[in-house]
């Protein structure tokens, strides 16, 4: 799979999106609540940065489209 859409930006949706992105997929997160989308984006970014700082992931350059 190259592109994955996750419906819902809650805790579970953000986790699924993160796993898919780390596996190399382009991920779209969809939610009606803009605040939930922003929270998911920050949660994913923070989590990935922790993996990078521990040397468990290479440095990533996130991109976002709205």
Protein backbone atom coordinates (compact mmCIF):
# COMPACT_ATOMS: atom_id res chain seq x y z
CA UNK A 1 0.00 0.00 0.00
CA UNK A 2 1.28 3.44 -0.88
CA UNK A 3 -1.50 5.71 0.39
CA UNK A 4 -3.65 5.11 3.45
CA UNK A 5 -6.56 7.19 4.74
CA UNK A 6 -7.38 7.02 8.44
CA UNK A 7 -10.88 8.15 9.40
CA UNK A 8 -10.80 9.74 12.84
CA UNK A 9 -7.92 11.62 14.44
CA UNK A 10 -8.39 10.34 17.96
CA UNK A 11 -5.85 8.35 19.91
CA UNK A 12 -6.37 5.16 17.92
CA UNK A 13 -6.47 6.92 14.55
CA UNK A 14 -3.25 8.79 15.29
CA UNK A 15 -1.55 5.54 16.31
CA UNK A 16 -2.65 3.76 13.15
CA UNK A 17 -1.52 6.71 11.04
CA UNK A 18 1.88 6.75 12.74
CA UNK A 19 2.46 3.03 12.19
CA UNK A 20 1.49 3.31 8.53
CA UNK A 21 3.74 6.34 7.99
CA UNK A 22 6.72 4.70 9.69
CA UNK A 23 6.15 1.69 7.42
CA UNK A 24 6.53 4.00 4.42
CA UNK A 25 2.96 4.81 3.42
CA UNK A 26 1.64 8.25 2.60
CA UNK A 27 -1.07 8.85 5.18
CA UNK A 28 -4.13 11.07 5.14
CA UNK A 29 -5.96 11.59 8.44
CA UNK A 30 -9.56 12.73 8.12
CA UNK A 31 -11.65 14.20 10.91
CA UNK A 32 -14.35 16.87 11.13
CA UNK A 33 -12.70 18.38 14.20
CA UNK A 34 -9.74 20.60 13.29
CA UNK A 35 -8.50 20.50 16.90
CA UNK A 36 -8.41 16.68 16.80
CA UNK A 37 -6.38 16.82 13.58
CA UNK A 38 -3.90 19.25 15.12
CA UNK A 39 -3.61 17.11 18.26
CA UNK A 40 -3.00 13.99 16.17
CA UNK A 41 -0.33 15.77 14.14
CA UNK A 42 1.50 16.91 17.27
CA UNK A 43 1.15 13.51 18.95
CA UNK A 44 2.59 11.71 15.94
CA UNK A 45 5.41 14.23 15.57
CA UNK A 46 6.36 13.99 19.26
CA UNK A 47 6.26 10.20 19.23
CA UNK A 48 8.37 9.90 16.08
CA UNK A 49 10.90 12.38 17.47
CA UNK A 50 11.28 10.18 20.57
CA UNK A 51 12.07 7.20 18.33
CA UNK A 52 14.57 9.31 16.37
CA UNK A 53 16.30 10.54 19.54
CA UNK A 54 16.66 6.92 20.73
CA UNK A 55 18.16 5.92 17.38
CA UNK A 56 15.24 3.64 16.59
CA UNK A 57 14.28 5.61 13.46
CA UNK A 58 16.20 7.68 10.98
CA UNK A 59 15.49 11.40 11.02
CA UNK A 60 12.25 12.14 9.23
CA UNK A 61 11.00 15.23 7.45
CA UNK A 62 7.26 15.40 7.97
CA UNK A 63 5.07 17.06 5.41
CA UNK A 64 1.48 18.07 5.71
CA UNK A 65 -1.27 19.12 3.39
CA UNK A 66 -4.52 20.67 4.46
